[in-house]
Amino acid sequence: MPETGRNFRGYAQLGEGFYVTPDYGMALYFAAIAARQAGGVPVALEVYARNLEQMTKARVPRRLWWTLAADSSYITDFDYLVAPIDGFEPIRQLKFNPRAYHALIVR
């Protein structure tokens, strides 16, 4: 597992996508890491997913964390993935795959 923050350098626990968490404190924590890595000011935004209950989802087993390739069926066949944040269990994350970006509204 890459140390916290390495995911902002091309590593991401559930592969490439748009990550969210319902835990506001954790969102701020990762925003601060991103700001240190990429520059800028940390910001946590509210995200609305239109028709989330109708989207396809998959729970990613621990053995696949950090190894999902862009052509993985987890990326191509599902709108979003769910897993605990590695190192911060039981806080969960949702990772939206590109096929679901049209349904996201960021405020």
N, C-alpha and C. Protein backbone atom coordinates (compact mmCIF):
# COMPACT_ATOMS: atom_id res chain seq x y z
N MET A 1 0.84 -1.18 0.00
CA MET A 1 0.00 0.00 0.00
C MET A 1 0.88 1.25 0.00
N PRO A 2 0.63 2.16 -0.91
CA PRO A 2 1.39 3.42 -0.88
C PRO A 2 1.04 4.21 0.38
N GLU A 3 2.01 4.97 0.90
CA GLU A 3 1.71 5.77 2.07
C GLU A 3 0.66 6.82 1.72
N THR A 4 -0.01 7.32 2.74
CA THR A 4 -1.05 8.32 2.54
C THR A 4 -0.52 9.47 1.70
N GLY A 5 -1.27 9.85 0.69
CA GLY A 5 -0.87 10.96 -0.15
C GLY A 5 -0.26 10.54 -1.47
N ARG A 6 0.28 9.32 -1.54
CA ARG A 6 0.88 8.89 -2.80
C ARG A 6 -0.17 8.72 -3.88
N ASN A 7 -1.42 8.54 -3.47
CA ASN A 7 -2.48 8.39 -4.45
C ASN A 7 -2.62 9.64 -5.31
N PHE A 8 -2.05 10.77 -4.91
CA PHE A 8 -2.10 11.98 -5.71
C PHE A 8 -0.96 12.03 -6.71
N ARG A 9 -0.18 11.00 -6.78
CA ARG A 9 0.92 10.92 -7.74
C ARG A 9 0.71 9.74 -8.68
N GLY A 10 -0.52 9.43 -9.00
CA GLY A 10 -0.80 8.38 -9.95
C GLY A 10 -1.21 7.05 -9.33
N TYR A 11 -1.24 6.97 -8.01
CA TYR A 11 -1.67 5.75 -7.34
C TYR A 11 -3.02 6.02 -6.70
N ALA A 12 -3.94 5.10 -6.86
CA ALA A 12 -5.24 5.27 -6.25
C ALA A 12 -5.75 3.89 -5.83
N GLN A 13 -6.30 3.82 -4.65
CA GLN A 13 -6.68 2.54 -4.05
C GLN A 13 -7.62 1.73 -4.93
N LEU A 14 -8.56 2.37 -5.59
CA LEU A 14 -9.55 1.65 -6.40
C LEU A 14 -9.43 2.00 -7.88
N GLY A 15 -8.28 2.43 -8.29
CA GLY A 15 -8.07 2.79 -9.68
C GLY A 15 -8.47 4.23 -9.96
N GLU A 16 -8.30 4.63 -11.21
CA GLU A 16 -8.59 6.00 -11.62
C GLU A 16 -10.08 6.28 -11.52
N GLY A 17 -10.41 7.46 -11.04
CA GLY A 17 -11.81 7.86 -10.93
C GLY A 17 -11.97 9.04 -10.00
N PHE A 18 -13.20 9.34 -9.65
CA PHE A 18 -13.54 10.48 -8.79
C PHE A 18 -13.95 9.93 -7.44
N TYR A 19 -13.15 10.22 -6.42
CA TYR A 19 -13.35 9.66 -5.08
C TYR A 19 -14.14 10.61 -4.19
N VAL A 20 -15.05 10.04 -3.40
CA VAL A 20 -15.79 10.80 -2.40
C VAL A 20 -15.90 9.96 -1.13
N THR A 21 -16.18 10.63 -0.02
CA THR A 21 -16.45 9.96 1.24
C THR A 21 -17.54 10.74 1.96
N PRO A 22 -18.43 10.04 2.65
CA PRO A 22 -19.44 10.76 3.43
C PRO A 22 -18.88 11.34 4.73
N ASP A 23 -17.62 11.07 5.04
CA ASP A 23 -16.99 11.56 6.26
C ASP A 23 -16.29 12.90 5.95
N TYR A 24 -16.90 13.99 6.39
CA TYR A 24 -16.39 15.32 6.06
C TYR A 24 -14.96 15.54 6.58
N GLY A 25 -14.68 15.09 7.79
CA GLY A 25 -13.33 15.24 8.33
C GLY A 25 -12.29 14.54 7.49
N MET A 26 -12.62 13.35 7.00
CA MET A 26 -11.69 12.60 6.15
C MET A 26 -11.53 13.31 4.80
N ALA A 27 -12.62 13.87 4.28
CA ALA A 27 -12.53 14.62 3.02
C ALA A 27 -11.56 15.80 3.18
N LEU A 28 -11.65 16.51 4.30
CA LEU A 28 -10.73 17.62 4.54
C LEU A 28 -9.29 17.15 4.69
N TYR A 29 -9.12 16.01 5.34
CA TYR A 29 -7.78 15.44 5.52
C TYR A 29 -7.12 15.17 4.16
N PHE A 30 -7.86 14.51 3.27
CA PHE A 30 -7.30 14.21 1.95
C PHE A 30 -7.18 15.45 1.08
N ALA A 31 -8.06 16.43 1.27
CA ALA A 31 -7.93 17.70 0.54
C ALA A 31 -6.64 18.41 0.93
N ALA A 32 -6.29 18.35 2.21
CA ALA A 32 -5.04 18.96 2.68
C ALA A 32 -3.83 18.26 2.06
N ILE A 33 -3.88 16.95 1.96
CA ILE A 33 -2.78 16.21 1.34
C ILE A 33 -2.66 16.60 -0.13
N ALA A 34 -3.79 16.67 -0.83
CA ALA A 34 -3.78 17.04 -2.25
C ALA A 34 -3.22 18.44 -2.43
N ALA A 35 -3.59 19.37 -1.56
CA ALA A 35 -3.09 20.74 -1.66
C ALA A 35 -1.59 20.79 -1.45
N ARG A 36 -1.07 20.00 -0.50
CA ARG A 36 0.39 19.95 -0.30
C ARG A 36 1.09 19.37 -1.51
N GLN A 37 0.50 18.33 -2.11
CA GLN A 37 1.11 17.66 -3.25
C GLN A 37 1.05 18.50 -4.52
N ALA A 38 -0.11 19.09 -4.78
CA ALA A 38 -0.34 19.77 -6.06
C ALA A 38 -0.35 21.29 -5.94
N GLY A 39 -0.36 21.80 -4.72
CA GLY A 39 -0.45 23.24 -4.52
C GLY A 39 -1.90 23.66 -4.38
N GLY A 40 -2.10 24.85 -3.88
CA GLY A 40 -3.44 25.37 -3.74
C GLY A 40 -3.93 25.30 -2.31
N VAL A 41 -5.22 25.49 -2.17
CA VAL A 41 -5.87 25.54 -0.86
C VAL A 41 -6.79 24.33 -0.74
N PRO A 42 -6.76 23.63 0.40
CA PRO A 42 -7.65 22.48 0.56
C PRO A 42 -9.13 22.90 0.58
N VAL A 43 -9.92 22.16 -0.17
CA VAL A 43 -11.36 22.43 -0.24
C VAL A 43 -12.08 21.09 -0.29
N ALA A 44 -13.14 20.97 0.51
CA ALA A 44 -14.01 19.79 0.45
C ALA A 44 -15.35 20.27 -0.10
N LEU A 45 -15.82 19.61 -1.13
CA LEU A 45 -17.05 20.01 -1.80
C LEU A 45 -18.15 18.98 -1.62
N GLU A 46 -19.37 19.43 -1.71
CA GLU A 46 -20.53 18.54 -1.67
C GLU A 46 -20.74 17.97 -3.07
N VAL A 47 -20.97 16.66 -3.14
CA VAL A 47 -21.19 16.00 -4.42
C VAL A 47 -22.55 15.31 -4.39
N TYR A 48 -23.32 15.56 -5.42
CA TYR A 48 -24.62 14.92 -5.57
C TYR A 48 -24.53 13.96 -6.75
N ALA A 49 -24.96 12.73 -6.56
CA ALA A 49 -24.99 11.74 -7.64
C ALA A 49 -26.45 11.50 -8.02
N ARG A 50 -26.82 11.95 -9.19
CA ARG A 50 -28.19 11.79 -9.67
C ARG A 50 -28.52 10.31 -9.86
N ASN A 51 -29.62 9.86 -9.27
CA ASN A 51 -30.09 8.47 -9.38
C ASN A 51 -29.07 7.45 -8.88
N LEU A 52 -28.42 7.75 -7.79
CA LEU A 52 -27.42 6.84 -7.23
C LEU A 52 -27.99 5.44 -7.01
N GLU A 53 -29.22 5.37 -6.53
CA GLU A 53 -29.82 4.07 -6.26
C GLU A 53 -30.02 3.22 -7.52
N GLN A 54 -29.99 3.85 -8.67
CA GLN A 54 -30.14 3.11 -9.93
C GLN A 54 -28.80 2.78 -10.59
N MET A 55 -27.72 3.33 -10.06
CA MET A 55 -26.39 3.06 -10.62
C MET A 55 -25.92 1.67 -10.21
N THR A 56 -25.05 1.12 -11.03
CA THR A 56 -24.45 -0.18 -10.70
C THR A 56 -23.24 0.05 -9.80
N LYS A 57 -23.13 -0.78 -8.77
CA LYS A 57 -22.00 -0.63 -7.84
C LYS A 57 -21.39 -1.99 -7.56
N ALA A 58 -20.16 -1.96 -7.07
CA ALA A 58 -19.47 -3.18 -6.65
C ALA A 58 -18.65 -2.86 -5.41
N ARG A 59 -18.65 -3.80 -4.48
CA ARG A 59 -17.75 -3.71 -3.33
C ARG A 59 -16.45 -4.39 -3.75
N VAL A 60 -15.35 -3.68 -3.57
CA VAL A 60 -14.05 -4.19 -3.99
C VAL A 60 -13.40 -4.93 -2.83
N PRO A 61 -13.06 -6.21 -3.02
CA PRO A 61 -12.40 -6.96 -1.94
C PRO A 61 -10.98 -6.45 -1.68
N ARG A 62 -10.56 -6.56 -0.44
CA ARG A 62 -9.24 -6.06 -0.03
C ARG A 62 -8.11 -6.56 -0.93
N ARG A 63 -8.17 -7.79 -1.38
CA ARG A 63 -7.08 -8.34 -2.20
C ARG A 63 -6.89 -7.60 -3.52
N LEU A 64 -7.91 -6.83 -3.94
CA LEU A 64 -7.82 -6.09 -5.21
C LEU A 64 -7.50 -4.61 -5.03
N TRP A 65 -7.48 -4.14 -3.77
CA TRP A 65 -7.13 -2.74 -3.55
C TRP A 65 -5.74 -2.51 -4.10
N TRP A 66 -5.51 -1.41 -4.72
CA TRP A 66 -4.24 -0.97 -5.27
C TRP A 66 -3.83 -1.71 -6.54
N THR A 67 -4.68 -2.61 -7.06
CA THR A 67 -4.26 -3.36 -8.25
C THR A 67 -5.25 -3.27 -9.41
N LEU A 68 -6.29 -2.45 -9.31
CA LEU A 68 -7.27 -2.37 -10.38
C LEU A 68 -6.70 -1.61 -11.58
N ALA A 69 -6.64 -2.27 -12.72
CA ALA A 69 -6.16 -1.65 -13.96
C ALA A 69 -7.31 -0.93 -14.64
N ALA A 70 -6.98 0.00 -15.53
CA ALA A 70 -8.00 0.79 -16.23
C ALA A 70 -8.96 -0.08 -17.02
N ASP A 71 -8.52 -1.25 -17.45
CA ASP A 71 -9.39 -2.12 -18.24
C ASP A 71 -10.08 -3.19 -17.38
N SER A 72 -9.95 -3.09 -16.07
CA SER A 72 -10.60 -4.03 -15.16
C SER A 72 -12.11 -3.94 -15.30
N SER A 73 -12.79 -5.06 -15.16
CA SER A 73 -14.25 -5.05 -15.22
C SER A 73 -14.84 -4.21 -14.09
N TYR A 74 -14.09 -4.03 -12.98
CA TYR A 74 -14.57 -3.16 -11.91
C TYR A 74 -14.66 -1.71 -12.40
N ILE A 75 -13.83 -1.35 -13.34
CA ILE A 75 -13.83 0.02 -13.87
C ILE A 75 -14.81 0.15 -15.03
N THR A 76 -14.85 -0.83 -15.91
CA THR A 76 -15.67 -0.73 -17.11
C THR A 76 -17.13 -1.14 -16.92
N ASP A 77 -17.42 -2.00 -15.96
CA ASP A 77 -18.77 -2.56 -15.82
C ASP A 77 -19.61 -1.94 -14.71
N PHE A 78 -19.05 -1.08 -13.91
CA PHE A 78 -19.79 -0.51 -12.78
C PHE A 78 -19.69 1.01 -12.79
N ASP A 79 -20.75 1.66 -12.30
CA ASP A 79 -20.76 3.11 -12.20
C ASP A 79 -19.88 3.59 -11.05
N TYR A 80 -19.93 2.84 -9.93
CA TYR A 80 -19.08 3.23 -8.81
C TYR A 80 -18.69 2.03 -7.99
N LEU A 81 -17.60 2.21 -7.23
CA LEU A 81 -17.05 1.16 -6.37
C LEU A 81 -17.10 1.63 -4.93
N VAL A 82 -17.20 0.68 -4.02
CA VAL A 82 -17.26 0.98 -2.60
C VAL A 82 -16.21 0.14 -1.87
N ALA A 83 -15.52 0.77 -0.93
CA ALA A 83 -14.55 0.06 -0.08
C ALA A 83 -14.20 0.95 1.10
N PRO A 84 -13.73 0.37 2.19
CA PRO A 84 -13.16 1.19 3.25
C PRO A 84 -11.91 1.90 2.72
N ILE A 85 -11.58 3.03 3.32
CA ILE A 85 -10.34 3.71 2.96
C ILE A 85 -9.20 2.96 3.63
N ASP A 86 -8.27 2.45 2.84
CA ASP A 86 -7.16 1.67 3.37
C ASP A 86 -6.38 2.48 4.40
N GLY A 87 -6.24 1.91 5.58
CA GLY A 87 -5.54 2.58 6.66
C GLY A 87 -6.46 3.41 7.54
N PHE A 88 -7.72 3.57 7.12
CA PHE A 88 -8.67 4.37 7.88
C PHE A 88 -9.99 3.63 8.05
N GLU A 89 -9.94 2.29 8.02
CA GLU A 89 -11.15 1.54 8.24
C GLU A 89 -11.73 1.90 9.60
N PRO A 90 -13.02 2.05 9.75
CA PRO A 90 -14.10 1.64 8.86
C PRO A 90 -14.66 2.76 7.97
N ILE A 91 -13.95 3.87 7.83
CA ILE A 91 -14.45 4.96 6.98
C ILE A 91 -14.50 4.48 5.54
N ARG A 92 -15.63 4.71 4.89
CA ARG A 92 -15.78 4.19 3.53
C ARG A 92 -15.61 5.28 2.49
N GLN A 93 -15.34 4.83 1.30
CA GLN A 93 -15.21 5.71 0.15
C GLN A 93 -16.04 5.15 -1.00
N LEU A 94 -16.47 6.04 -1.85
CA LEU A 94 -17.10 5.67 -3.11
C LEU A 94 -16.20 6.23 -4.19
N LYS A 95 -15.94 5.44 -5.20
CA LYS A 95 -15.12 5.90 -6.32
C LYS A 95 -15.96 5.79 -7.56
N PHE A 96 -16.29 6.94 -8.16
CA PHE A 96 -17.08 6.94 -9.38
C PHE A 96 -16.17 6.71 -10.58
N ASN A 97 -16.59 5.79 -11.42
CA ASN A 97 -15.87 5.52 -12.66
C ASN A 97 -16.28 6.54 -13.72
N PRO A 98 -15.45 6.75 -14.73
CA PRO A 98 -15.75 7.75 -15.75
C PRO A 98 -17.14 7.60 -16.37
N ARG A 99 -17.64 6.39 -16.50
CA ARG A 99 -18.96 6.20 -17.12
C ARG A 99 -20.10 6.84 -16.34
N ALA A 100 -19.85 7.23 -15.07
CA ALA A 100 -20.89 7.84 -14.25
C ALA A 100 -20.70 9.35 -14.06
N TYR A 101 -19.66 9.91 -14.63
CA TYR A 101 -19.37 11.32 -14.40
C TYR A 101 -20.54 12.23 -14.80
N HIS A 102 -21.28 11.85 -15.80
CA HIS A 102 -22.40 12.68 -16.26
C HIS A 102 -23.47 12.86 -15.18
N ALA A 103 -23.51 11.98 -14.21
CA ALA A 103 -24.53 12.03 -13.17
C ALA A 103 -24.07 12.78 -11.92
N LEU A 104 -22.85 13.30 -11.90
CA LEU A 104 -22.32 13.97 -10.72
C LEU A 104 -22.48 15.48 -10.81
N ILE A 105 -22.88 16.07 -9.70
CA ILE A 105 -22.97 17.51 -9.58
C ILE A 105 -22.12 17.89 -8.38
N VAL A 106 -21.15 18.78 -8.58
CA VAL A 106 -20.25 19.20 -7.50
C VAL A 106 -20.59 20.64 -7.13
N ARG A 107 -20.76 20.88 -5.83
CA ARG A 107 -21.09 22.23 -5.35
C ARG A 107 -20.02 22.74 -4.43
